[in-house]
Amino acid sequence: MHGKRGRPRRRPGKLHADKGYDYTRCRRACTYRGFKHRIARKAIESSSHLGKHRWVVERTFAWLPRFGRLTVRYERRANIHLAFTLIAGSLICMRALT
């Protein structure tokens, strides 16, 4: 008997989050799922230590509004919106590589 089709699932090894996720339930959920977590604590440490890891995500989210159809969601169907998001991501990667 063969396993499931497709690429094997991989879970992230570590999660970086800002103070907005400083809750016991979030930490427990990470531990339960087997991730190491690095969550800034409220009123104890600054979120700036997470900056170098989060910058990649924030930068990418900042590039997406350049594509007008993603700024305001005109499509009702989620699969069409996902298609436009994937096209935008592909164009961003292509521009970065050229």
PDB file of N, CA and C in Angstrom:
ATOM      1  N   MET A   1       0.838  -1.174   0.000  1.00  0.00           N
ATOM      2  CA  MET A   1       0.000   0.000   0.000  1.00  0.00           C
ATOM      3  C   MET A   1       0.890   1.246   0.000  1.00  0.00           C
ATOM      4  N   HIS A   2       0.532   2.224  -0.795  1.00  0.00           N
ATOM      5  CA  HIS A   2       1.316   3.449  -0.909  1.00  0.00           C
ATOM      6  C   HIS A   2       0.793   4.502   0.064  1.00  0.00           C
ATOM      7  N   GLY A   3       1.646   5.484   0.333  1.00  0.00           N
ATOM      8  CA  GLY A   3       1.244   6.597   1.192  1.00  0.00           C
ATOM      9  C   GLY A   3       0.368   7.576   0.433  1.00  0.00           C
ATOM     10  N   LYS A   4       0.156   8.724   1.039  1.00  0.00           N
ATOM     11  CA  LYS A   4      -0.664   9.759   0.409  1.00  0.00           C
ATOM     12  C   LYS A   4       0.069  10.360  -0.784  1.00  0.00           C
ATOM     13  N   ARG A   5      -0.707  10.808  -1.759  1.00  0.00           N
ATOM     14  CA  ARG A   5      -0.117  11.425  -2.944  1.00  0.00           C
ATOM     15  C   ARG A   5       0.407  12.804  -2.621  1.00  0.00           C
ATOM     16  N   GLY A   6       1.373  13.235  -3.406  1.00  0.00           N
ATOM     17  CA  GLY A   6       1.883  14.589  -3.279  1.00  0.00           C
ATOM     18  C   GLY A   6       3.114  14.682  -2.396  1.00  0.00           C
ATOM     19  N   ARG A   7       3.528  15.890  -2.223  1.00  0.00           N
ATOM     20  CA  ARG A   7       4.718  16.178  -1.431  1.00  0.00           C
ATOM     21  C   ARG A   7       4.427  15.939   0.051  1.00  0.00           C
ATOM     22  N   PRO A   8       5.350  15.367   0.798  1.00  0.00           N
ATOM     23  CA  PRO A   8       5.116  15.164   2.226  1.00  0.00           C
ATOM     24  C   PRO A   8       4.948  16.497   2.952  1.00  0.00           C
ATOM     25  N   ARG A   9       4.053  16.551   3.916  1.00  0.00           N
ATOM     26  CA  ARG A   9       3.833  17.778   4.676  1.00  0.00           C
ATOM     27  C   ARG A   9       5.021  18.068   5.564  1.00  0.00           C
ATOM     28  N   ARG A  10       5.373  19.326   5.634  1.00  0.00           N
ATOM     29  CA  ARG A  10       6.436  19.759   6.533  1.00  0.00           C
ATOM     30  C   ARG A  10       5.897  20.862   7.418  1.00  0.00           C
ATOM     31  N   ARG A  11       6.154  20.766   8.679  1.00  0.00           N
ATOM     32  CA  ARG A  11       5.745  21.816   9.611  1.00  0.00           C
ATOM     33  C   ARG A  11       6.934  22.742   9.836  1.00  0.00           C
ATOM     34  N   PRO A  12       6.655  24.002  10.115  1.00  0.00           N
ATOM     35  CA  PRO A  12       7.763  24.913  10.408  1.00  0.00           C
ATOM     36  C   PRO A  12       8.440  24.521  11.710  1.00  0.00           C
ATOM     37  N   GLY A  13       9.718  24.756  11.792  1.00  0.00           N
ATOM     38  CA  GLY A  13      10.449  24.414  13.001  1.00  0.00           C
ATOM     39  C   GLY A  13      10.304  25.455  14.094  1.00  0.00           C
ATOM     40  N   LYS A  14      10.139  26.728  13.687  1.00  0.00           N
ATOM     41  CA  LYS A  14      10.109  27.811  14.659  1.00  0.00           C
ATOM     42  C   LYS A  14       9.086  28.853  14.228  1.00  0.00           C
ATOM     43  N   LEU A  15       8.440  29.473  15.194  1.00  0.00           N
ATOM     44  CA  LEU A  15       7.460  30.522  14.931  1.00  0.00           C
ATOM     45  C   LEU A  15       7.917  31.809  15.595  1.00  0.00           C
ATOM     46  N   HIS A  16       7.990  32.887  14.838  1.00  0.00           N
ATOM     47  CA  HIS A  16       8.319  34.209  15.376  1.00  0.00           C
ATOM     48  C   HIS A  16       7.048  35.037  15.345  1.00  0.00           C
ATOM     49  N   ALA A  17       6.703  35.655  16.473  1.00  0.00           N
ATOM     50  CA  ALA A  17       5.478  36.447  16.535  1.00  0.00           C
ATOM     51  C   ALA A  17       5.704  37.675  17.413  1.00  0.00           C
ATOM     52  N   ASP A  18       4.879  38.705  17.182  1.00  0.00           N
ATOM     53  CA  ASP A  18       5.011  39.915  17.981  1.00  0.00           C
ATOM     54  C   ASP A  18       4.138  39.834  19.233  1.00  0.00           C
ATOM     55  N   LYS A  19       4.028  40.952  19.942  1.00  0.00           N
ATOM     56  CA  LYS A  19       3.323  40.972  21.223  1.00  0.00           C
ATOM     57  C   LYS A  19       1.837  40.690  21.102  1.00  0.00           C
ATOM     58  N   GLY A  20       1.290  40.827  19.935  1.00  0.00           N
ATOM     59  CA  GLY A  20      -0.128  40.556  19.740  1.00  0.00           C
ATOM     60  C   GLY A  20      -0.487  39.095  19.970  1.00  0.00           C
ATOM     61  N   TYR A  21       0.502  38.222  19.972  1.00  0.00           N
ATOM     62  CA  TYR A  21       0.266  36.790  20.181  1.00  0.00           C
ATOM     63  C   TYR A  21       0.780  36.319  21.538  1.00  0.00           C
ATOM     64  N   ASP A  22       1.016  37.254  22.447  1.00  0.00           N
ATOM     65  CA  ASP A  22       1.521  36.897  23.775  1.00  0.00           C
ATOM     66  C   ASP A  22       0.377  36.439  24.676  1.00  0.00           C
ATOM     67  N   TYR A  23      -0.109  35.243  24.405  1.00  0.00           N
ATOM     68  CA  TYR A  23      -1.159  34.626  25.214  1.00  0.00           C
ATOM     69  C   TYR A  23      -0.747  33.193  25.496  1.00  0.00           C
ATOM     70  N   THR A  24      -1.174  32.701  26.645  1.00  0.00           N
ATOM     71  CA  THR A  24      -0.838  31.330  27.018  1.00  0.00           C
ATOM     72  C   THR A  24      -1.384  30.337  26.005  1.00  0.00           C
ATOM     73  N   ARG A  25      -2.582  30.590  25.489  1.00  0.00           N
ATOM     74  CA  ARG A  25      -3.174  29.651  24.526  1.00  0.00           C
ATOM     75  C   ARG A  25      -2.352  29.568  23.240  1.00  0.00           C
ATOM     76  N   CYS A  26      -1.752  30.683  22.820  1.00  0.00           N
ATOM     77  CA  CYS A  26      -0.910  30.662  21.620  1.00  0.00           C
ATOM     78  C   CYS A  26       0.371  29.870  21.869  1.00  0.00           C
ATOM     79  N   ARG A  27       0.957  30.085  23.024  1.00  0.00           N
ATOM     80  CA  ARG A  27       2.177  29.344  23.356  1.00  0.00           C
ATOM     81  C   ARG A  27       1.889  27.850  23.484  1.00  0.00           C
ATOM     82  N   ARG A  28       0.768  27.518  24.120  1.00  0.00           N
ATOM     83  CA  ARG A  28       0.389  26.113  24.270  1.00  0.00           C
ATOM     84  C   ARG A  28       0.131  25.469  22.915  1.00  0.00           C
ATOM     85  N   ALA A  29      -0.532  26.201  22.012  1.00  0.00           N
ATOM     86  CA  ALA A  29      -0.828  25.663  20.682  1.00  0.00           C
ATOM     87  C   ALA A  29       0.466  25.366  19.923  1.00  0.00           C
ATOM     88  N   CYS A  30       1.457  26.241  20.049  1.00  0.00           N
ATOM     89  CA  CYS A  30       2.748  26.003  19.393  1.00  0.00           C
ATOM     90  C   CYS A  30       3.423  24.764  19.963  1.00  0.00           C
ATOM     91  N   THR A  31       3.421  24.664  21.273  1.00  0.00           N
ATOM     92  CA  THR A  31       4.045  23.509  21.919  1.00  0.00           C
ATOM     93  C   THR A  31       3.337  22.221  21.532  1.00  0.00           C
ATOM     94  N   TYR A  32       2.009  22.265  21.504  1.00  0.00           N
ATOM     95  CA  TYR A  32       1.214  21.095  21.152  1.00  0.00           C
ATOM     96  C   TYR A  32       1.527  20.619  19.726  1.00  0.00           C
ATOM     97  N   ARG A  33       1.731  21.579  18.824  1.00  0.00           N
ATOM     98  CA  ARG A  33       2.006  21.230  17.427  1.00  0.00           C
ATOM     99  C   ARG A  33       3.487  20.967  17.159  1.00  0.00           C
ATOM    100  N   GLY A  34       4.321  21.162  18.169  1.00  0.00           N
ATOM    101  CA  GLY A  34       5.729  20.817  18.030  1.00  0.00           C
ATOM    102  C   GLY A  34       6.617  21.908  17.467  1.00  0.00           C
ATOM    103  N   PHE A  35       6.191  23.186  17.503  1.00  0.00           N
ATOM    104  CA  PHE A  35       7.056  24.275  17.040  1.00  0.00           C
ATOM    105  C   PHE A  35       7.784  24.867  18.238  1.00  0.00           C
ATOM    106  N   LYS A  36       8.968  25.357  17.978  1.00  0.00           N
ATOM    107  CA  LYS A  36       9.605  26.239  18.946  1.00  0.00           C
ATOM    108  C   LYS A  36       9.006  27.612  18.691  1.00  0.00           C
ATOM    109  N   HIS A  37       8.717  28.351  19.748  1.00  0.00           N
ATOM    110  CA  HIS A  37       8.116  29.669  19.530  1.00  0.00           C
ATOM    111  C   HIS A  37       8.996  30.751  20.107  1.00  0.00           C
ATOM    112  N   ARG A  38       8.999  31.876  19.438  1.00  0.00           N
ATOM    113  CA  ARG A  38       9.703  33.079  19.882  1.00  0.00           C
ATOM    114  C   ARG A  38       8.688  34.200  19.806  1.00  0.00           C
ATOM    115  N   ILE A  39       7.974  34.411  20.913  1.00  0.00           N
ATOM    116  CA  ILE A  39       6.923  35.408  20.972  1.00  0.00           C
ATOM    117  C   ILE A  39       7.359  36.492  21.954  1.00  0.00           C
ATOM    118  N   ALA A  40       7.368  37.750  21.498  1.00  0.00           N
ATOM    119  CA  ALA A  40       7.748  38.855  22.372  1.00  0.00           C
ATOM    120  C   ALA A  40       6.723  38.982  23.497  1.00  0.00           C
ATOM    121  N   ARG A  41       7.207  39.241  24.699  1.00  0.00           N
ATOM    122  CA  ARG A  41       6.308  39.352  25.852  1.00  0.00           C
ATOM    123  C   ARG A  41       5.879  40.803  26.036  1.00  0.00           C
ATOM    124  N   LYS A  42       4.602  40.990  26.372  1.00  0.00           N
ATOM    125  CA  LYS A  42       4.072  42.338  26.606  1.00  0.00           C
ATOM    126  C   LYS A  42       4.745  42.955  27.825  1.00  0.00           C
ATOM    127  N   ALA A  43       5.091  44.211  27.711  1.00  0.00           N
ATOM    128  CA  ALA A  43       5.664  45.024  28.794  1.00  0.00           C
ATOM    129  C   ALA A  43       7.000  44.493  29.315  1.00  0.00           C
ATOM    130  N   ILE A  44       7.594  43.514  28.666  1.00  0.00           N
ATOM    131  CA  ILE A  44       8.879  42.988  29.127  1.00  0.00           C
ATOM    132  C   ILE A  44       9.972  43.225  28.084  1.00  0.00           C
ATOM    133  N   GLU A  45       9.700  42.860  26.840  1.00  0.00           N
ATOM    134  CA  GLU A  45      10.724  43.014  25.812  1.00  0.00           C
ATOM    135  C   GLU A  45      10.125  43.680  24.576  1.00  0.00           C
ATOM    136  N   SER A  46      10.986  44.239  23.767  1.00  0.00           N
ATOM    137  CA  SER A  46      10.493  44.919  22.570  1.00  0.00           C
ATOM    138  C   SER A  46      10.387  43.929  21.417  1.00  0.00           C
ATOM    139  N   SER A  47       9.531  44.274  20.480  1.00  0.00           N
ATOM    140  CA  SER A  47       9.359  43.422  19.306  1.00  0.00           C
ATOM    141  C   SER A  47      10.486  43.601  18.298  1.00  0.00           C
ATOM    142  N   SER A  48      11.376  44.553  18.547  1.00  0.00           N
ATOM    143  CA  SER A  48      12.416  44.848  17.561  1.00  0.00           C
ATOM    144  C   SER A  48      13.387  43.680  17.380  1.00  0.00           C
ATOM    145  N   HIS A  49      13.519  42.801  18.382  1.00  0.00           N
ATOM    146  CA  HIS A  49      14.404  41.650  18.224  1.00  0.00           C
ATOM    147  C   HIS A  49      13.880  40.695  17.164  1.00  0.00           C
ATOM    148  N   LEU A  50      12.572  40.705  16.942  1.00  0.00           N
ATOM    149  CA  LEU A  50      11.980  39.831  15.933  1.00  0.00           C
ATOM    150  C   LEU A  50      12.024  40.457  14.549  1.00  0.00           C
ATOM    151  N   GLY A  51      12.494  41.681  14.469  1.00  0.00           N
ATOM    152  CA  GLY A  51      12.433  42.428  13.222  1.00  0.00           C
ATOM    153  C   GLY A  51      13.097  41.765  12.037  1.00  0.00           C
ATOM    154  N   LYS A  52      14.272  41.191  12.230  1.00  0.00           N
ATOM    155  CA  LYS A  52      14.973  40.623  11.083  1.00  0.00           C
ATOM    156  C   LYS A  52      14.245  39.420  10.513  1.00  0.00           C
ATOM    157  N   HIS A  53      13.474  38.711  11.332  1.00  0.00           N
ATOM    158  CA  HIS A  53      12.719  37.564  10.841  1.00  0.00           C
ATOM    159  C   HIS A  53      11.383  38.007  10.244  1.00  0.00           C
ATOM    160  N   ARG A  54      10.739  38.961  10.877  1.00  0.00           N
ATOM    161  CA  ARG A  54       9.430  39.397  10.426  1.00  0.00           C
ATOM    162  C   ARG A  54       9.514  40.337   9.236  1.00  0.00           C
ATOM    163  N   TRP A  55      10.662  40.959   9.016  1.00  0.00           N
ATOM    164  CA  TRP A  55      10.788  41.923   7.944  1.00  0.00           C
ATOM    165  C   TRP A  55      10.461  41.304   6.592  1.00  0.00           C
ATOM    166  N   VAL A  56      10.846  40.076   6.383  1.00  0.00           N
ATOM    167  CA  VAL A  56      10.596  39.398   5.106  1.00  0.00           C
ATOM    168  C   VAL A  56       9.095  39.319   4.844  1.00  0.00           C
ATOM    169  N   VAL A  57       8.332  38.959   5.845  1.00  0.00           N
ATOM    170  CA  VAL A  57       6.877  38.842   5.694  1.00  0.00           C
ATOM    171  C   VAL A  57       6.249  40.209   5.500  1.00  0.00           C
ATOM    172  N   GLU A  58       6.629  41.173   6.328  1.00  0.00           N
ATOM    173  CA  GLU A  58       6.051  42.518   6.237  1.00  0.00           C
ATOM    174  C   GLU A  58       6.374  43.155   4.884  1.00  0.00           C
ATOM    175  N   ARG A  59       7.584  42.951   4.393  1.00  0.00           N
ATOM    176  CA  ARG A  59       7.975  43.503   3.095  1.00  0.00           C
ATOM    177  C   ARG A  59       7.116  42.917   1.982  1.00  0.00           C
ATOM    178  N   THR A  60       6.890  41.615   2.038  1.00  0.00           N
ATOM    179  CA  THR A  60       6.080  40.971   1.009  1.00  0.00           C
ATOM    180  C   THR A  60       4.649  41.470   1.044  1.00  0.00           C
ATOM    181  N   PHE A  61       4.086  41.617   2.244  1.00  0.00           N
ATOM    182  CA  PHE A  61       2.731  42.162   2.347  1.00  0.00           C
ATOM    183  C   PHE A  61       2.664  43.599   1.835  1.00  0.00           C
ATOM    184  N   ALA A  62       3.749  44.343   1.974  1.00  0.00           N
ATOM    185  CA  ALA A  62       3.776  45.720   1.469  1.00  0.00           C
ATOM    186  C   ALA A  62       3.808  45.748  -0.055  1.00  0.00           C
ATOM    187  N   TRP A  63       4.355  44.721  -0.696  1.00  0.00           N
ATOM    188  CA  TRP A  63       4.417  44.685  -2.156  1.00  0.00           C
ATOM    189  C   TRP A  63       3.083  44.310  -2.784  1.00  0.00           C
ATOM    190  N   LEU A  64       2.247  43.570  -2.093  1.00  0.00           N
ATOM    191  CA  LEU A  64       0.992  43.094  -2.686  1.00  0.00           C
ATOM    192  C   LEU A  64       0.022  44.212  -3.084  1.00  0.00           C
ATOM    193  N   PRO A  65      -0.088  45.335  -2.343  1.00  0.00           N
ATOM    194  CA  PRO A  65      -1.017  46.384  -2.778  1.00  0.00           C
ATOM    195  C   PRO A  65      -0.662  47.051  -4.103  1.00  0.00           C
ATOM    196  N   ARG A  66       0.519  46.789  -4.639  1.00  0.00           N
ATOM    197  CA  ARG A  66       0.847  47.318  -5.961  1.00  0.00           C
ATOM    198  C   ARG A  66      -0.065  46.738  -7.033  1.00  0.00           C
ATOM    199  N   PHE A  67      -0.678  45.633  -6.728  1.00  0.00           N
ATOM    200  CA  PHE A  67      -1.581  44.978  -7.662  1.00  0.00           C
ATOM    201  C   PHE A  67      -3.004  45.375  -7.269  1.00  0.00           C
ATOM    202  N   GLY A  68      -3.610  46.224  -8.097  1.00  0.00           N
ATOM    203  CA  GLY A  68      -4.883  46.856  -7.778  1.00  0.00           C
ATOM    204  C   GLY A  68      -6.002  45.909  -7.390  1.00  0.00           C
ATOM    205  N   ARG A  69      -6.099  44.780  -8.035  1.00  0.00           N
ATOM    206  CA  ARG A  69      -7.194  43.867  -7.743  1.00  0.00           C
ATOM    207  C   ARG A  69      -7.066  43.229  -6.374  1.00  0.00           C
ATOM    208  N   LEU A  70      -5.876  43.284  -5.786  1.00  0.00           N
ATOM    209  CA  LEU A  70      -5.698  42.718  -4.451  1.00  0.00           C
ATOM    210  C   LEU A  70      -5.942  43.745  -3.352  1.00  0.00           C
ATOM    211  N   THR A  71      -5.852  45.037  -3.704  1.00  0.00           N
ATOM    212  CA  THR A  71      -6.088  46.080  -2.709  1.00  0.00           C
ATOM    213  C   THR A  71      -7.541  46.064  -2.258  1.00  0.00           C
ATOM    214  N   VAL A  72      -8.445  46.067  -3.214  1.00  0.00           N
ATOM    215  CA  VAL A  72      -9.876  45.932  -2.929  1.00  0.00           C
ATOM    216  C   VAL A  72     -10.294  44.607  -3.546  1.00  0.00           C
ATOM    217  N   ARG A  73     -10.902  43.770  -2.755  1.00  0.00           N
ATOM    218  CA  ARG A  73     -11.262  42.444  -3.259  1.00  0.00           C
ATOM    219  C   ARG A  73     -12.581  42.526  -4.020  1.00  0.00           C
ATOM    220  N   TYR A  74     -12.493  42.483  -5.344  1.00  0.00           N
ATOM    221  CA  TYR A  74     -13.673  42.550  -6.194  1.00  0.00           C
ATOM    222  C   TYR A  74     -14.284  41.174  -6.434  1.00  0.00           C
ATOM    223  N   GLU A  75     -13.467  40.152  -6.369  1.00  0.00           N
ATOM    224  CA  GLU A  75     -13.955  38.807  -6.675  1.00  0.00           C
ATOM    225  C   GLU A  75     -14.705  38.221  -5.491  1.00  0.00           C
ATOM    226  N   ARG A  76     -15.818  37.589  -5.768  1.00  0.00           N
ATOM    227  CA  ARG A  76     -16.575  36.934  -4.709  1.00  0.00           C
ATOM    228  C   ARG A  76     -16.030  35.540  -4.433  1.00  0.00           C
ATOM    229  N   ARG A  77     -15.539  34.901  -5.470  1.00  0.00           N
ATOM    230  CA  ARG A  77     -15.055  33.523  -5.327  1.00  0.00           C
ATOM    231  C   ARG A  77     -13.618  33.514  -4.813  1.00  0.00           C
ATOM    232  N   ALA A  78     -13.399  32.709  -3.807  1.00  0.00           N
ATOM    233  CA  ALA A  78     -12.081  32.652  -3.169  1.00  0.00           C
ATOM    234  C   ALA A  78     -11.016  32.114  -4.117  1.00  0.00           C
ATOM    235  N   ASN A  79     -11.385  31.185  -4.996  1.00  0.00           N
ATOM    236  CA  ASN A  79     -10.369  30.611  -5.886  1.00  0.00           C
ATOM    237  C   ASN A  79      -9.860  31.634  -6.897  1.00  0.00           C
ATOM    238  N   ILE A  80     -10.692  32.558  -7.319  1.00  0.00           N
ATOM    239  CA  ILE A  80     -10.241  33.602  -8.245  1.00  0.00           C
ATOM    240  C   ILE A  80      -9.313  34.576  -7.514  1.00  0.00           C
ATOM    241  N   HIS A  81      -9.678  34.942  -6.287  1.00  0.00           N
ATOM    242  CA  HIS A  81      -8.811  35.828  -5.498  1.00  0.00           C
ATOM    243  C   HIS A  81      -7.465  35.159  -5.239  1.00  0.00           C
ATOM    244  N   LEU A  82      -7.491  33.870  -4.927  1.00  0.00           N
ATOM    245  CA  LEU A  82      -6.251  33.125  -4.715  1.00  0.00           C
ATOM    246  C   LEU A  82      -5.407  33.116  -5.985  1.00  0.00           C
ATOM    247  N   ALA A  83      -6.051  32.958  -7.134  1.00  0.00           N
ATOM    248  CA  ALA A  83      -5.315  32.951  -8.404  1.00  0.00           C
ATOM    249  C   ALA A  83      -4.605  34.287  -8.629  1.00  0.00           C
ATOM    250  N   PHE A  84      -5.294  35.404  -8.361  1.00  0.00           N
ATOM    251  CA  PHE A  84      -4.662  36.716  -8.521  1.00  0.00           C
ATOM    252  C   PHE A  84      -3.523  36.901  -7.513  1.00  0.00           C
ATOM    253  N   THR A  85      -3.686  36.390  -6.305  1.00  0.00           N
ATOM    254  CA  THR A  85      -2.625  36.477  -5.305  1.00  0.00           C
ATOM    255  C   THR A  85      -1.404  35.678  -5.741  1.00  0.00           C
ATOM    256  N   LEU A  86      -1.623  34.495  -6.300  1.00  0.00           N
ATOM    257  CA  LEU A  86      -0.509  33.676  -6.779  1.00  0.00           C
ATOM    258  C   LEU A  86       0.196  34.318  -7.969  1.00  0.00           C
ATOM    259  N   ILE A  87      -0.570  34.937  -8.849  1.00  0.00           N
ATOM    260  CA  ILE A  87       0.037  35.643  -9.984  1.00  0.00           C
ATOM    261  C   ILE A  87       0.880  36.801  -9.476  1.00  0.00           C
ATOM    262  N   ALA A  88       0.358  37.548  -8.502  1.00  0.00           N
ATOM    263  CA  ALA A  88       1.115  38.671  -7.931  1.00  0.00           C
ATOM    264  C   ALA A  88       2.399  38.167  -7.282  1.00  0.00           C
ATOM    265  N   GLY A  89       2.319  37.080  -6.534  1.00  0.00           N
ATOM    266  CA  GLY A  89       3.515  36.513  -5.907  1.00  0.00           C
ATOM    267  C   GLY A  89       4.531  36.062  -6.936  1.00  0.00           C
ATOM    268  N   SER A  90       4.049  35.479  -8.028  1.00  0.00           N
ATOM    269  CA  SER A  90       4.954  35.040  -9.095  1.00  0.00           C
ATOM    270  C   SER A  90       5.651  36.228  -9.744  1.00  0.00           C
ATOM    271  N   LEU A  91       4.906  37.300  -9.974  1.00  0.00           N
ATOM    272  CA  LEU A  91       5.516  38.490 -10.572  1.00  0.00           C
ATOM    273  C   LEU A  91       6.532  39.124  -9.634  1.00  0.00           C
ATOM    274  N   ILE A  92       6.229  39.141  -8.330  1.00  0.00           N
ATOM    275  CA  ILE A  92       7.177  39.686  -7.356  1.00  0.00           C
ATOM    276  C   ILE A  92       8.467  38.873  -7.377  1.00  0.00           C
ATOM    277  N   CYS A  93       8.351  37.547  -7.387  1.00  0.00           N
ATOM    278  CA  CYS A  93       9.547  36.683  -7.416  1.00  0.00           C
ATOM    279  C   CYS A  93      10.315  36.858  -8.710  1.00  0.00           C
ATOM    280  N   MET A  94       9.605  36.957  -9.830  1.00  0.00           N
ATOM    281  CA  MET A  94      10.268  37.110 -11.120  1.00  0.00           C
ATOM    282  C   MET A  94      11.048  38.436 -11.165  1.00  0.00           C
ATOM    283  N   ARG A  95      10.451  39.495 -10.644  1.00  0.00           N
ATOM    284  CA  ARG A  95      11.153  40.790 -10.643  1.00  0.00           C
ATOM    285  C   ARG A  95      12.371  40.757  -9.730  1.00  0.00           C
ATOM    286  N   ALA A  96      12.262  40.010  -8.629  1.00  0.00           N
ATOM    287  CA  ALA A  96      13.409  39.936  -7.707  1.00  0.00           C
ATOM    288  C   ALA A  96      14.556  39.144  -8.326  1.00  0.00           C
ATOM    289  N   LEU A  97      14.235  38.169  -9.161  1.00  0.00           N
ATOM    290  CA  LEU A  97      15.276  37.336  -9.754  1.00  0.00           C
ATOM    291  C   LEU A  97      15.925  37.974 -10.983  1.00  0.00           C
ATOM    292  N   THR A  98      15.223  38.885 -11.637  1.00  0.00           N
ATOM    293  CA  THR A  98      15.803  39.511 -12.836  1.00  0.00           C
ATOM    294  C   THR A  98      16.469  40.821 -12.530  1.00  0.00           C
TER     295      THR A  98
END
